[in-house]
Amino acid sequence: MVKKRRNCGRSKHNQGYVRRVHCMGLNTLVPRDKAIKKLNIKNFTDSFSIDELNGAILLPKYEIPKLASYVFYSISYAFGKKIIRSREKSRRKLRLSH
């Protein structure tokens, strides 16, 4: 049978086993190397509290910390919700990040 992708849709390369993560949309288990990863950066507080904190801070150029976390999606969910899209035929072989 013909092999569709050079890496079989995964990036584990001689690793054997990769732990699974939960897809945020479907709550299914997906191998971590195959999942679509998106970085979410959020503020700890709402916009009103940020204005109050900026007024109360005495240090100049102090930046309020943010919360960074990765969100994992399965291929089928990400494609259905248009988080990722298919590329045109001439650009499919290009090795680009998402």
C-alpha atoms as a PDB file:
ATOM      1  CA  MET A   1       0.000   0.000   0.000  1.00  0.00           C
ATOM      2  CA  VAL A   2       1.178   3.506  -0.753  1.00  0.00           C
ATOM      3  CA  LYS A   3       2.465   5.544   2.188  1.00  0.00           C
ATOM      4  CA  LYS A   4       0.581   8.851   2.336  1.00  0.00           C
ATOM      5  CA  ARG A   5       2.960  10.850   4.548  1.00  0.00           C
ATOM      6  CA  ARG A   6       6.715  10.705   5.093  1.00  0.00           C
ATOM      7  CA  ASN A   7       6.271  10.647   8.879  1.00  0.00           C
ATOM      8  CA  CYS A   8       2.867   8.883   8.989  1.00  0.00           C
ATOM      9  CA  GLY A   9       1.332  12.041  10.479  1.00  0.00           C
ATOM     10  CA  ARG A  10       3.425  11.837  13.638  1.00  0.00           C
ATOM     11  CA  SER A  11       6.689  13.226  14.946  1.00  0.00           C
ATOM     12  CA  LYS A  12       7.830  10.480  17.293  1.00  0.00           C
ATOM     13  CA  HIS A  13      10.736   9.149  15.129  1.00  0.00           C
ATOM     14  CA  ASN A  14      12.110   6.006  16.827  1.00  0.00           C
ATOM     15  CA  GLN A  15      10.590   6.895  20.194  1.00  0.00           C
ATOM     16  CA  GLY A  16       8.343   3.885  20.596  1.00  0.00           C
ATOM     17  CA  TYR A  17       5.571   5.238  22.811  1.00  0.00           C
ATOM     18  CA  VAL A  18       4.279   8.777  23.285  1.00  0.00           C
ATOM     19  CA  ARG A  19       1.925   9.658  26.109  1.00  0.00           C
ATOM     20  CA  ARG A  20      -1.584  10.729  25.209  1.00  0.00           C
ATOM     21  CA  VAL A  21      -3.287  14.045  25.874  1.00  0.00           C
ATOM     22  CA  HIS A  22      -6.948  15.030  25.935  1.00  0.00           C
ATOM     23  CA  CYS A  23      -8.420  16.873  22.972  1.00  0.00           C
ATOM     24  CA  MET A  24     -10.074  20.038  24.307  1.00  0.00           C
ATOM     25  CA  GLY A  25     -13.040  19.771  21.946  1.00  0.00           C
ATOM     26  CA  LEU A  26     -13.943  16.096  21.881  1.00  0.00           C
ATOM     27  CA  ASN A  27     -12.191  15.036  25.106  1.00  0.00           C
ATOM     28  CA  THR A  28     -10.652  12.067  23.302  1.00  0.00           C
ATOM     29  CA  LEU A  29      -7.144  10.763  23.895  1.00  0.00           C
ATOM     30  CA  VAL A  30      -4.684  11.742  21.158  1.00  0.00           C
ATOM     31  CA  PRO A  31      -0.953  10.970  20.969  1.00  0.00           C
ATOM     32  CA  ARG A  32       0.920  14.128  22.000  1.00  0.00           C
ATOM     33  CA  ASP A  33       3.134  14.154  18.917  1.00  0.00           C
ATOM     34  CA  LYS A  34       0.138  13.866  16.579  1.00  0.00           C
ATOM     35  CA  ALA A  35      -2.050  16.458  18.324  1.00  0.00           C
ATOM     36  CA  ILE A  36      -2.391  20.055  17.139  1.00  0.00           C
ATOM     37  CA  LYS A  37      -0.835  22.320  19.774  1.00  0.00           C
ATOM     38  CA  LYS A  38      -1.900  25.933  20.303  1.00  0.00           C
ATOM     39  CA  LEU A  39      -0.428  28.306  22.862  1.00  0.00           C
ATOM     40  CA  ASN A  40      -3.023  30.242  24.860  1.00  0.00           C
ATOM     41  CA  ILE A  41      -1.885  33.376  26.671  1.00  0.00           C
ATOM     42  CA  LYS A  42      -4.415  34.895  29.064  1.00  0.00           C
ATOM     43  CA  ASN A  43      -4.422  37.607  31.695  1.00  0.00           C
ATOM     44  CA  PHE A  44      -4.838  36.505  35.301  1.00  0.00           C
ATOM     45  CA  THR A  45      -7.419  39.202  35.931  1.00  0.00           C
ATOM     46  CA  ASP A  46     -10.196  40.928  34.034  1.00  0.00           C
ATOM     47  CA  SER A  47      -9.732  44.304  32.308  1.00  0.00           C
ATOM     48  CA  PHE A  48     -11.203  46.371  35.175  1.00  0.00           C
ATOM     49  CA  SER A  49      -8.824  44.834  37.715  1.00  0.00           C
ATOM     50  CA  ILE A  50      -5.865  45.391  35.384  1.00  0.00           C
ATOM     51  CA  ASP A  51      -6.605  49.133  35.307  1.00  0.00           C
ATOM     52  CA  GLU A  52      -6.748  49.229  39.113  1.00  0.00           C
ATOM     53  CA  LEU A  53      -3.516  47.253  39.453  1.00  0.00           C
ATOM     54  CA  ASN A  54      -1.691  49.526  37.013  1.00  0.00           C
ATOM     55  CA  GLY A  55      -2.733  52.523  39.114  1.00  0.00           C
ATOM     56  CA  ALA A  56      -1.597  50.897  42.358  1.00  0.00           C
ATOM     57  CA  ILE A  57       1.802  49.624  41.155  1.00  0.00           C
ATOM     58  CA  LEU A  58       4.735  51.771  42.295  1.00  0.00           C
ATOM     59  CA  LEU A  59       7.432  50.170  40.134  1.00  0.00           C
ATOM     60  CA  PRO A  60       7.863  51.676  36.669  1.00  0.00           C
ATOM     61  CA  LYS A  61       7.631  49.330  33.682  1.00  0.00           C
ATOM     62  CA  TYR A  62       6.169  46.528  35.815  1.00  0.00           C
ATOM     63  CA  GLU A  63       4.225  44.094  33.678  1.00  0.00           C
ATOM     64  CA  ILE A  64       1.377  42.076  35.162  1.00  0.00           C
ATOM     65  CA  PRO A  65       2.111  38.343  34.679  1.00  0.00           C
ATOM     66  CA  LYS A  66       0.085  36.296  32.238  1.00  0.00           C
ATOM     67  CA  LEU A  67      -0.982  32.678  32.195  1.00  0.00           C
ATOM     68  CA  ALA A  68       0.417  30.625  29.314  1.00  0.00           C
ATOM     69  CA  SER A  69      -0.867  27.132  28.576  1.00  0.00           C
ATOM     70  CA  TYR A  70      -0.965  24.733  25.665  1.00  0.00           C
ATOM     71  CA  VAL A  71      -4.260  23.511  24.260  1.00  0.00           C
ATOM     72  CA  PHE A  72      -4.294  20.214  22.363  1.00  0.00           C
ATOM     73  CA  TYR A  73      -6.741  19.306  19.590  1.00  0.00           C
ATOM     74  CA  SER A  74      -7.226  16.106  17.627  1.00  0.00           C
ATOM     75  CA  ILE A  75      -6.775  16.360  13.867  1.00  0.00           C
ATOM     76  CA  SER A  76     -10.431  15.689  13.122  1.00  0.00           C
ATOM     77  CA  TYR A  77     -11.702  18.300  15.596  1.00  0.00           C
ATOM     78  CA  ALA A  78      -9.176  20.956  14.509  1.00  0.00           C
ATOM     79  CA  PHE A  79     -10.015  20.429  10.854  1.00  0.00           C
ATOM     80  CA  GLY A  80     -13.760  20.534  11.534  1.00  0.00           C
ATOM     81  CA  LYS A  81     -13.524  23.757  13.574  1.00  0.00           C
ATOM     82  CA  LYS A  82     -11.142  25.323  10.990  1.00  0.00           C
ATOM     83  CA  ILE A  83      -8.267  25.654  13.456  1.00  0.00           C
ATOM     84  CA  ILE A  84      -6.127  24.101  10.723  1.00  0.00           C
ATOM     85  CA  ARG A  85      -6.836  23.916   7.008  1.00  0.00           C
ATOM     86  CA  SER A  86      -5.634  21.831   4.125  1.00  0.00           C
ATOM     87  CA  ARG A  87      -3.013  23.382   1.857  1.00  0.00           C
ATOM     88  CA  GLU A  88      -3.151  23.513  -1.916  1.00  0.00           C
ATOM     89  CA  LYS A  89      -1.453  20.669  -3.739  1.00  0.00           C
ATOM     90  CA  SER A  90       1.714  22.581  -4.661  1.00  0.00           C
ATOM     91  CA  ARG A  91       2.321  23.644  -1.031  1.00  0.00           C
ATOM     92  CA  ARG A  92       1.608  20.316   0.702  1.00  0.00           C
ATOM     93  CA  LYS A  93       5.181  19.025   0.547  1.00  0.00           C
ATOM     94  CA  LEU A  94       6.597  22.178   2.191  1.00  0.00           C
ATOM     95  CA  ARG A  95       7.639  21.504   5.775  1.00  0.00           C
ATOM     96  CA  LEU A  96       6.108  24.481   7.574  1.00  0.00           C
ATOM     97  CA  SER A  97       4.878  24.901  11.113  1.00  0.00           C
ATOM     98  CA  HIS A  98       1.148  25.507  11.625  1.00  0.00           C
END
